[in-house]
């Protein structure tokens, strides 16, 4: 699977979650072949605003990059994200 396909799959999954996730969803785990671009993650988090704070767990080190860290901090400060961490 190419990186482009991985980003496409991640984008589609987040769109489905915004449309269909139950109000009691509090944690999302992304492992293996899911990659989410910075833009798509920002759009998802903006769409999640007003719902219960979300914990997001991932295994990919790409989310430890400075741009992702800054985005996550912004949404943590706004109360959209409760926790965002990488688990191996």
PDB file of N, CA and C in Angstrom:
ATOM      1  N   UNK A   1       0.851  -1.171   0.000  1.00  0.00           N
ATOM      2  CA  UNK A   1       0.000   0.000   0.000  1.00  0.00           C
ATOM      3  C   UNK A   1       0.900   1.239   0.000  1.00  0.00           C
ATOM      4  N   UNK A   2       0.623   2.165  -0.897  1.00  0.00           N
ATOM      5  CA  UNK A   2       1.437   3.376  -0.985  1.00  0.00           C
ATOM      6  C   UNK A   2       1.073   4.362   0.121  1.00  0.00           C
ATOM      7  N   UNK A   3       1.977   5.313   0.388  1.00  0.00           N
ATOM      8  CA  UNK A   3       1.685   6.342   1.391  1.00  0.00           C
ATOM      9  C   UNK A   3       0.459   7.147   1.003  1.00  0.00           C
ATOM     10  N   UNK A   4       0.285   7.402  -0.292  1.00  0.00           N
ATOM     11  CA  UNK A   4      -0.893   8.142  -0.754  1.00  0.00           C
ATOM     12  C   UNK A   4      -2.171   7.386  -0.394  1.00  0.00           C
ATOM     13  N   UNK A   5      -2.170   6.068  -0.589  1.00  0.00           N
ATOM     14  CA  UNK A   5      -3.328   5.251  -0.217  1.00  0.00           C
ATOM     15  C   UNK A   5      -3.561   5.276   1.287  1.00  0.00           C
ATOM     16  N   UNK A   6      -2.483   5.253   2.053  1.00  0.00           N
ATOM     17  CA  UNK A   6      -2.611   5.285   3.510  1.00  0.00           C
ATOM     18  C   UNK A   6      -3.230   6.599   3.965  1.00  0.00           C
ATOM     19  N   UNK A   7      -2.801   7.720   3.355  1.00  0.00           N
ATOM     20  CA  UNK A   7      -3.388   9.016   3.695  1.00  0.00           C
ATOM     21  C   UNK A   7      -4.853   9.065   3.286  1.00  0.00           C
ATOM     22  N   UNK A   8      -5.166   8.506   2.123  1.00  0.00           N
ATOM     23  CA  UNK A   8      -6.546   8.494   1.642  1.00  0.00           C
ATOM     24  C   UNK A   8      -7.441   7.689   2.579  1.00  0.00           C
ATOM     25  N   UNK A   9      -6.964   6.530   3.016  1.00  0.00           N
ATOM     26  CA  UNK A   9      -7.734   5.703   3.948  1.00  0.00           C
ATOM     27  C   UNK A   9      -7.954   6.428   5.271  1.00  0.00           C
ATOM     28  N   UNK A  10      -6.913   7.081   5.773  1.00  0.00           N
ATOM     29  CA  UNK A  10      -7.034   7.829   7.025  1.00  0.00           C
ATOM     30  C   UNK A  10      -8.037   8.954   6.908  1.00  0.00           C
ATOM     31  N   UNK A  11      -8.003   9.669   5.782  1.00  0.00           N
ATOM     32  CA  UNK A  11      -8.941  10.769   5.561  1.00  0.00           C
ATOM     33  C   UNK A  11     -10.378  10.253   5.536  1.00  0.00           C
ATOM     34  N   UNK A  12     -10.595   9.167   4.823  1.00  0.00           N
ATOM     35  CA  UNK A  12     -11.950   8.614   4.718  1.00  0.00           C
ATOM     36  C   UNK A  12     -12.462   8.147   6.081  1.00  0.00           C
ATOM     37  N   UNK A  13     -11.608   7.509   6.848  1.00  0.00           N
ATOM     38  CA  UNK A  13     -12.005   7.051   8.175  1.00  0.00           C
ATOM     39  C   UNK A  13     -12.419   8.225   9.060  1.00  0.00           C
ATOM     40  N   UNK A  14     -11.657   9.302   9.045  1.00  0.00           N
ATOM     41  CA  UNK A  14     -11.985  10.456   9.887  1.00  0.00           C
ATOM     42  C   UNK A  14     -13.281  11.121   9.446  1.00  0.00           C
ATOM     43  N   UNK A  15     -13.541  11.152   8.152  1.00  0.00           N
ATOM     44  CA  UNK A  15     -14.819  11.697   7.666  1.00  0.00           C
ATOM     45  C   UNK A  15     -15.986  10.863   8.184  1.00  0.00           C
ATOM     46  N   UNK A  16     -15.819   9.557   8.167  1.00  0.00           N
ATOM     47  CA  UNK A  16     -16.871   8.666   8.671  1.00  0.00           C
ATOM     48  C   UNK A  16     -17.068   8.880  10.166  1.00  0.00           C
ATOM     49  N   UNK A  17     -15.997   9.027  10.911  1.00  0.00           N
ATOM     50  CA  UNK A  17     -16.112   9.251  12.355  1.00  0.00           C
ATOM     51  C   UNK A  17     -16.857  10.547  12.660  1.00  0.00           C
ATOM     52  N   UNK A  18     -16.581  11.619  11.931  1.00  0.00           N
ATOM     53  CA  UNK A  18     -17.281  12.881  12.168  1.00  0.00           C
ATOM     54  C   UNK A  18     -18.772  12.700  11.907  1.00  0.00           C
ATOM     55  N   UNK A  19     -19.126  11.988  10.857  1.00  0.00           N
ATOM     56  CA  UNK A  19     -20.542  11.785  10.509  1.00  0.00           C
ATOM     57  C   UNK A  19     -21.246  10.807  11.435  1.00  0.00           C
ATOM     58  N   UNK A  20     -20.558   9.762  11.854  1.00  0.00           N
ATOM     59  CA  UNK A  20     -21.258   8.620  12.437  1.00  0.00           C
ATOM     60  C   UNK A  20     -20.842   8.212  13.839  1.00  0.00           C
ATOM     61  N   UNK A  21     -19.831   8.813  14.404  1.00  0.00           N
ATOM     62  CA  UNK A  21     -19.345   8.369  15.722  1.00  0.00           C
ATOM     63  C   UNK A  21     -20.386   8.635  16.799  1.00  0.00           C
ATOM     64  N   UNK A  22     -20.563   7.687  17.707  1.00  0.00           N
ATOM     65  CA  UNK A  22     -21.495   7.914  18.818  1.00  0.00           C
ATOM     66  C   UNK A  22     -20.958   8.998  19.753  1.00  0.00           C
ATOM     67  N   UNK A  23     -21.854   9.626  20.465  1.00  0.00           N
ATOM     68  CA  UNK A  23     -21.465  10.707  21.378  1.00  0.00           C
ATOM     69  C   UNK A  23     -20.561  10.235  22.509  1.00  0.00           C
ATOM     70  N   UNK A  24     -20.570   8.947  22.805  1.00  0.00           N
ATOM     71  CA  UNK A  24     -19.754   8.454  23.912  1.00  0.00           C
ATOM     72  C   UNK A  24     -18.369   7.957  23.463  1.00  0.00           C
ATOM     73  N   UNK A  25     -18.003   8.176  22.203  1.00  0.00           N
ATOM     74  CA  UNK A  25     -16.667   7.799  21.742  1.00  0.00           C
ATOM     75  C   UNK A  25     -15.641   8.708  22.404  1.00  0.00           C
ATOM     76  N   UNK A  26     -14.684   8.120  23.085  1.00  0.00           N
ATOM     77  CA  UNK A  26     -13.693   8.898  23.825  1.00  0.00           C
ATOM     78  C   UNK A  26     -12.255   8.583  23.430  1.00  0.00           C
ATOM     79  N   UNK A  27     -12.055   7.497  22.658  1.00  0.00           N
ATOM     80  CA  UNK A  27     -10.691   7.093  22.319  1.00  0.00           C
ATOM     81  C   UNK A  27     -10.649   6.520  20.912  1.00  0.00           C
ATOM     82  N   UNK A  28      -9.610   6.915  20.190  1.00  0.00           N
ATOM     83  CA  UNK A  28      -9.358   6.383  18.853  1.00  0.00           C
ATOM     84  C   UNK A  28      -7.912   5.911  18.822  1.00  0.00           C
ATOM     85  N   UNK A  29      -7.699   4.737  18.230  1.00  0.00           N
ATOM     86  CA  UNK A  29      -6.345   4.193  18.094  1.00  0.00           C
ATOM     87  C   UNK A  29      -6.053   3.986  16.613  1.00  0.00           C
ATOM     88  N   UNK A  30      -4.944   4.558  16.158  1.00  0.00           N
ATOM     89  CA  UNK A  30      -4.492   4.409  14.782  1.00  0.00           C
ATOM     90  C   UNK A  30      -3.183   3.644  14.786  1.00  0.00           C
ATOM     91  N   UNK A  31      -3.200   2.467  14.196  1.00  0.00           N
ATOM     92  CA  UNK A  31      -1.999   1.651  14.130  1.00  0.00           C
ATOM     93  C   UNK A  31      -1.819   1.131  12.713  1.00  0.00           C
ATOM     94  N   UNK A  32      -0.677   0.597  12.436  1.00  0.00           N
ATOM     95  CA  UNK A  32      -0.334  -0.040  11.173  1.00  0.00           C
ATOM     96  C   UNK A  32      -0.396   0.925   9.999  1.00  0.00           C
ATOM     97  N   UNK A  33      -1.333   0.714   9.089  1.00  0.00           N
ATOM     98  CA  UNK A  33      -1.315   1.400   7.802  1.00  0.00           C
ATOM     99  C   UNK A  33      -2.094   2.705   7.736  1.00  0.00           C
ATOM    100  N   UNK A  34      -2.473   3.277   8.839  1.00  0.00           N
ATOM    101  CA  UNK A  34      -3.204   4.542   8.791  1.00  0.00           C
ATOM    102  C   UNK A  34      -2.256   5.708   8.983  1.00  0.00           C
ATOM    103  N   UNK A  35      -2.303   6.626   8.051  1.00  0.00           N
ATOM    104  CA  UNK A  35      -1.549   7.868   8.154  1.00  0.00           C
ATOM    105  C   UNK A  35      -2.529   8.996   7.887  1.00  0.00           C
ATOM    106  N   UNK A  36      -2.391  10.074   8.647  1.00  0.00           N
ATOM    107  CA  UNK A  36      -3.304  11.197   8.518  1.00  0.00           C
ATOM    108  C   UNK A  36      -2.472  12.453   8.321  1.00  0.00           C
ATOM    109  N   UNK A  37      -2.740  13.153   7.237  1.00  0.00           N
ATOM    110  CA  UNK A  37      -1.991  14.379   6.971  1.00  0.00           C
ATOM    111  C   UNK A  37      -2.331  15.429   8.024  1.00  0.00           C
ATOM    112  N   UNK A  38      -1.459  16.388   8.153  1.00  0.00           N
ATOM    113  CA  UNK A  38      -1.652  17.475   9.107  1.00  0.00           C
ATOM    114  C   UNK A  38      -2.953  18.228   8.819  1.00  0.00           C
ATOM    115  N   UNK A  39      -3.211  18.501   7.548  1.00  0.00           N
ATOM    116  CA  UNK A  39      -4.435  19.219   7.170  1.00  0.00           C
ATOM    117  C   UNK A  39      -5.689  18.435   7.533  1.00  0.00           C
ATOM    118  N   UNK A  40      -5.686  17.167   7.236  1.00  0.00           N
ATOM    119  CA  UNK A  40      -6.864  16.338   7.501  1.00  0.00           C
ATOM    120  C   UNK A  40      -7.071  16.185   9.000  1.00  0.00           C
ATOM    121  N   UNK A  41      -5.992  16.006   9.749  1.00  0.00           N
ATOM    122  CA  UNK A  41      -6.126  15.902  11.201  1.00  0.00           C
ATOM    123  C   UNK A  41      -6.712  17.190  11.765  1.00  0.00           C
ATOM    124  N   UNK A  42      -6.242  18.337  11.277  1.00  0.00           N
ATOM    125  CA  UNK A  42      -6.785  19.617  11.725  1.00  0.00           C
ATOM    126  C   UNK A  42      -8.267  19.747  11.413  1.00  0.00           C
ATOM    127  N   UNK A  43      -8.674  19.332  10.221  1.00  0.00           N
ATOM    128  CA  UNK A  43     -10.094  19.378   9.843  1.00  0.00           C
ATOM    129  C   UNK A  43     -10.924  18.460  10.732  1.00  0.00           C
ATOM    130  N   UNK A  44     -10.387  17.268  10.998  1.00  0.00           N
ATOM    131  CA  UNK A  44     -11.096  16.338  11.867  1.00  0.00           C
ATOM    132  C   UNK A  44     -11.280  16.924  13.261  1.00  0.00           C
ATOM    133  N   UNK A  45     -10.221  17.462  13.815  1.00  0.00           N
ATOM    134  CA  UNK A  45     -10.298  18.006  15.175  1.00  0.00           C
ATOM    135  C   UNK A  45     -11.241  19.205  15.238  1.00  0.00           C
ATOM    136  N   UNK A  46     -11.265  19.998  14.201  1.00  0.00           N
ATOM    137  CA  UNK A  46     -12.206  21.122  14.154  1.00  0.00           C
ATOM    138  C   UNK A  46     -13.641  20.592  14.114  1.00  0.00           C
ATOM    139  N   UNK A  47     -13.863  19.527  13.354  1.00  0.00           N
ATOM    140  CA  UNK A  47     -15.187  18.909  13.284  1.00  0.00           C
ATOM    141  C   UNK A  47     -15.590  18.226  14.581  1.00  0.00           C
ATOM    142  N   UNK A  48     -14.607  17.848  15.387  1.00  0.00           N
ATOM    143  CA  UNK A  48     -14.871  17.173  16.662  1.00  0.00           C
ATOM    144  C   UNK A  48     -15.216  18.176  17.766  1.00  0.00           C
ATOM    145  N   UNK A  49     -14.917  19.435  17.537  1.00  0.00           N
ATOM    146  CA  UNK A  49     -15.158  20.493  18.527  1.00  0.00           C
ATOM    147  C   UNK A  49     -16.618  20.429  18.998  1.00  0.00           C
ATOM    148  N   UNK A  50     -16.812  20.566  20.318  1.00  0.00           N
ATOM    149  CA  UNK A  50     -18.154  20.511  20.891  1.00  0.00           C
ATOM    150  C   UNK A  50     -18.553  19.128  21.385  1.00  0.00           C
ATOM    151  N   UNK A  51     -17.742  18.126  21.085  1.00  0.00           N
ATOM    152  CA  UNK A  51     -17.986  16.762  21.565  1.00  0.00           C
ATOM    153  C   UNK A  51     -17.079  16.514  22.766  1.00  0.00           C
ATOM    154  N   UNK A  52     -17.256  15.367  23.426  1.00  0.00           N
ATOM    155  CA  UNK A  52     -16.358  15.047  24.551  1.00  0.00           C
ATOM    156  C   UNK A  52     -14.899  14.979  24.083  1.00  0.00           C
ATOM    157  N   UNK A  53     -13.989  15.396  24.957  1.00  0.00           N
ATOM    158  CA  UNK A  53     -12.555  15.365  24.634  1.00  0.00           C
ATOM    159  C   UNK A  53     -12.136  13.965  24.225  1.00  0.00           C
ATOM    160  N   UNK A  54     -11.240  13.900  23.278  1.00  0.00           N
ATOM    161  CA  UNK A  54     -10.857  12.650  22.647  1.00  0.00           C
ATOM    162  C   UNK A  54      -9.412  12.296  22.972  1.00  0.00           C
ATOM    163  N   UNK A  55      -9.170  11.029  23.284  1.00  0.00           N
ATOM    164  CA  UNK A  55      -7.810  10.500  23.407  1.00  0.00           C
ATOM    165  C   UNK A  55      -7.474   9.807  22.095  1.00  0.00           C
ATOM    166  N   UNK A  56      -6.321  10.131  21.545  1.00  0.00           N
ATOM    167  CA  UNK A  56      -5.885   9.540  20.284  1.00  0.00           C
ATOM    168  C   UNK A  56      -4.546   8.859  20.519  1.00  0.00           C
ATOM    169  N   UNK A  57      -4.479   7.582  20.156  1.00  0.00           N
ATOM    170  CA  UNK A  57      -3.252   6.804  20.307  1.00  0.00           C
ATOM    171  C   UNK A  57      -2.815   6.319  18.935  1.00  0.00           C
ATOM    172  N   UNK A  58      -1.525   6.350  18.679  1.00  0.00           N
ATOM    173  CA  UNK A  58      -0.990   5.933  17.395  1.00  0.00           C
ATOM    174  C   UNK A  58       0.343   5.216  17.596  1.00  0.00           C
ATOM    175  N   UNK A  59       0.776   4.513  16.572  1.00  0.00           N
ATOM    176  CA  UNK A  59       2.079   3.847  16.640  1.00  0.00           C
ATOM    177  C   UNK A  59       3.092   4.493  15.702  1.00  0.00           C
ATOM    178  N   UNK A  60       2.676   5.462  14.914  1.00  0.00           N
ATOM    179  CA  UNK A  60       3.543   6.049  13.898  1.00  0.00           C
ATOM    180  C   UNK A  60       4.320   7.247  14.440  1.00  0.00           C
ATOM    181  N   UNK A  61       5.645   7.242  14.298  1.00  0.00           N
ATOM    182  CA  UNK A  61       6.446   8.364  14.812  1.00  0.00           C
ATOM    183  C   UNK A  61       6.241   9.669  14.044  1.00  0.00           C
ATOM    184  N   UNK A  62       5.592   9.640  12.888  1.00  0.00           N
ATOM    185  CA  UNK A  62       5.363  10.872  12.128  1.00  0.00           C
ATOM    186  C   UNK A  62       4.597  11.905  12.960  1.00  0.00           C
ATOM    187  N   UNK A  63       3.756  11.434  13.882  1.00  0.00           N
ATOM    188  CA  UNK A  63       2.938  12.335  14.693  1.00  0.00           C
ATOM    189  C   UNK A  63       3.733  13.008  15.817  1.00  0.00           C
ATOM    190  N   UNK A  64       5.025  12.679  15.926  1.00  0.00           N
ATOM    191  CA  UNK A  64       5.891  13.339  16.901  1.00  0.00           C
ATOM    192  C   UNK A  64       6.634  14.522  16.283  1.00  0.00           C
ATOM    193  N   UNK A  65       6.341  14.810  15.011  1.00  0.00           N
ATOM    194  CA  UNK A  65       6.959  15.951  14.341  1.00  0.00           C
ATOM    195  C   UNK A  65       6.440  17.267  14.913  1.00  0.00           C
ATOM    196  N   UNK A  66       7.228  18.312  14.749  1.00  0.00           N
ATOM    197  CA  UNK A  66       6.907  19.612  15.349  1.00  0.00           C
ATOM    198  C   UNK A  66       5.539  20.146  14.918  1.00  0.00           C
ATOM    199  N   UNK A  67       5.205  20.018  13.637  1.00  0.00           N
ATOM    200  CA  UNK A  67       3.914  20.531  13.168  1.00  0.00           C
ATOM    201  C   UNK A  67       2.741  19.800  13.811  1.00  0.00           C
ATOM    202  N   UNK A  68       2.861  18.481  13.934  1.00  0.00           N
ATOM    203  CA  UNK A  68       1.802  17.712  14.593  1.00  0.00           C
ATOM    204  C   UNK A  68       1.718  18.074  16.073  1.00  0.00           C
ATOM    205  N   UNK A  69       2.861  18.208  16.712  1.00  0.00           N
ATOM    206  CA  UNK A  69       2.879  18.555  18.139  1.00  0.00           C
ATOM    207  C   UNK A  69       2.188  19.895  18.370  1.00  0.00           C
ATOM    208  N   UNK A  70       2.465  20.875  17.505  1.00  0.00           N
ATOM    209  CA  UNK A  70       1.827  22.187  17.647  1.00  0.00           C
ATOM    210  C   UNK A  70       0.318  22.115  17.433  1.00  0.00           C
ATOM    211  N   UNK A  71      -0.109  21.329  16.444  1.00  0.00           N
ATOM    212  CA  UNK A  71      -1.540  21.172  16.185  1.00  0.00           C
ATOM    213  C   UNK A  71      -2.232  20.512  17.374  1.00  0.00           C
ATOM    214  N   UNK A  72      -1.644  19.451  17.884  1.00  0.00           N
ATOM    215  CA  UNK A  72      -2.223  18.741  19.027  1.00  0.00           C
ATOM    216  C   UNK A  72      -2.287  19.655  20.244  1.00  0.00           C
ATOM    217  N   UNK A  73      -1.249  20.422  20.477  1.00  0.00           N
ATOM    218  CA  UNK A  73      -1.249  21.342  21.619  1.00  0.00           C
ATOM    219  C   UNK A  73      -2.403  22.336  21.517  1.00  0.00           C
ATOM    220  N   UNK A  74      -2.600  22.877  20.334  1.00  0.00           N
ATOM    221  CA  UNK A  74      -3.698  23.834  20.125  1.00  0.00           C
ATOM    222  C   UNK A  74      -5.039  23.211  20.517  1.00  0.00           C
ATOM    223  N   UNK A  75      -5.290  21.996  20.049  1.00  0.00           N
ATOM    224  CA  UNK A  75      -6.578  21.358  20.321  1.00  0.00           C
ATOM    225  C   UNK A  75      -6.670  20.817  21.742  1.00  0.00           C
ATOM    226  N   UNK A  76      -5.541  20.509  22.355  1.00  0.00           N
ATOM    227  CA  UNK A  76      -5.558  20.174  23.788  1.00  0.00           C
ATOM    228  C   UNK A  76      -5.945  21.402  24.593  1.00  0.00           C
ATOM    229  N   UNK A  77      -5.336  22.536  24.266  1.00  0.00           N
ATOM    230  CA  UNK A  77      -5.650  23.787  24.964  1.00  0.00           C
ATOM    231  C   UNK A  77      -7.121  24.166  24.806  1.00  0.00           C
ATOM    232  N   UNK A  78      -7.711  23.809  23.657  1.00  0.00           N
ATOM    233  CA  UNK A  78      -9.125  24.106  23.392  1.00  0.00           C
ATOM    234  C   UNK A  78     -10.072  23.060  23.977  1.00  0.00           C
ATOM    235  N   UNK A  79      -9.517  21.976  24.536  1.00  0.00           N
ATOM    236  CA  UNK A  79     -10.347  20.937  25.142  1.00  0.00           C
ATOM    237  C   UNK A  79     -10.903  19.914  24.171  1.00  0.00           C
ATOM    238  N   UNK A  80     -10.446  19.938  22.925  1.00  0.00           N
ATOM    239  CA  UNK A  80     -10.910  18.965  21.937  1.00  0.00           C
ATOM    240  C   UNK A  80     -10.197  17.630  22.140  1.00  0.00           C
ATOM    241  N   UNK A  81      -8.905  17.693  22.448  1.00  0.00           N
ATOM    242  CA  UNK A  81      -8.098  16.495  22.692  1.00  0.00           C
ATOM    243  C   UNK A  81      -7.807  16.393  24.180  1.00  0.00           C
ATOM    244  N   UNK A  82      -8.056  15.208  24.714  1.00  0.00           N
ATOM    245  CA  UNK A  82      -7.685  14.934  26.105  1.00  0.00           C
ATOM    246  C   UNK A  82      -6.238  14.453  26.164  1.00  0.00           C
ATOM    247  N   UNK A  83      -5.897  13.526  25.255  1.00  0.00           N
ATOM    248  CA  UNK A  83      -4.565  12.927  25.249  1.00  0.00           C
ATOM    249  C   UNK A  83      -4.229  12.532  23.819  1.00  0.00           C
ATOM    250  N   UNK A  84      -2.976  12.685  23.434  1.00  0.00           N
ATOM    251  CA  UNK A  84      -2.492  12.257  22.125  1.00  0.00           C
ATOM    252  C   UNK A  84      -1.111  11.685  22.355  1.00  0.00           C
ATOM    253  N   UNK A  85      -0.965  10.395  22.126  1.00  0.00           N
ATOM    254  CA  UNK A  85       0.343   9.799  22.396  1.00  0.00           C
ATOM    255  C   UNK A  85       0.634   8.645  21.448  1.00  0.00           C
ATOM    256  N   UNK A  86       1.906   8.346  21.373  1.00  0.00           N
ATOM    257  CA  UNK A  86       2.385   7.239  20.557  1.00  0.00           C
ATOM    258  C   UNK A  86       2.648   6.047  21.457  1.00  0.00           C
ATOM    259  N   UNK A  87       2.103   4.924  21.061  1.00  0.00           N
ATOM    260  CA  UNK A  87       2.364   3.658  21.756  1.00  0.00           C
ATOM    261  C   UNK A  87       3.005   2.703  20.772  1.00  0.00           C
ATOM    262  N   UNK A  88       3.970   1.973  21.257  1.00  0.00           N
ATOM    263  CA  UNK A  88       4.673   1.029  20.377  1.00  0.00           C
ATOM    264  C   UNK A  88       4.102  -0.354  20.556  1.00  0.00           C
TER     265      UNK A  88
END
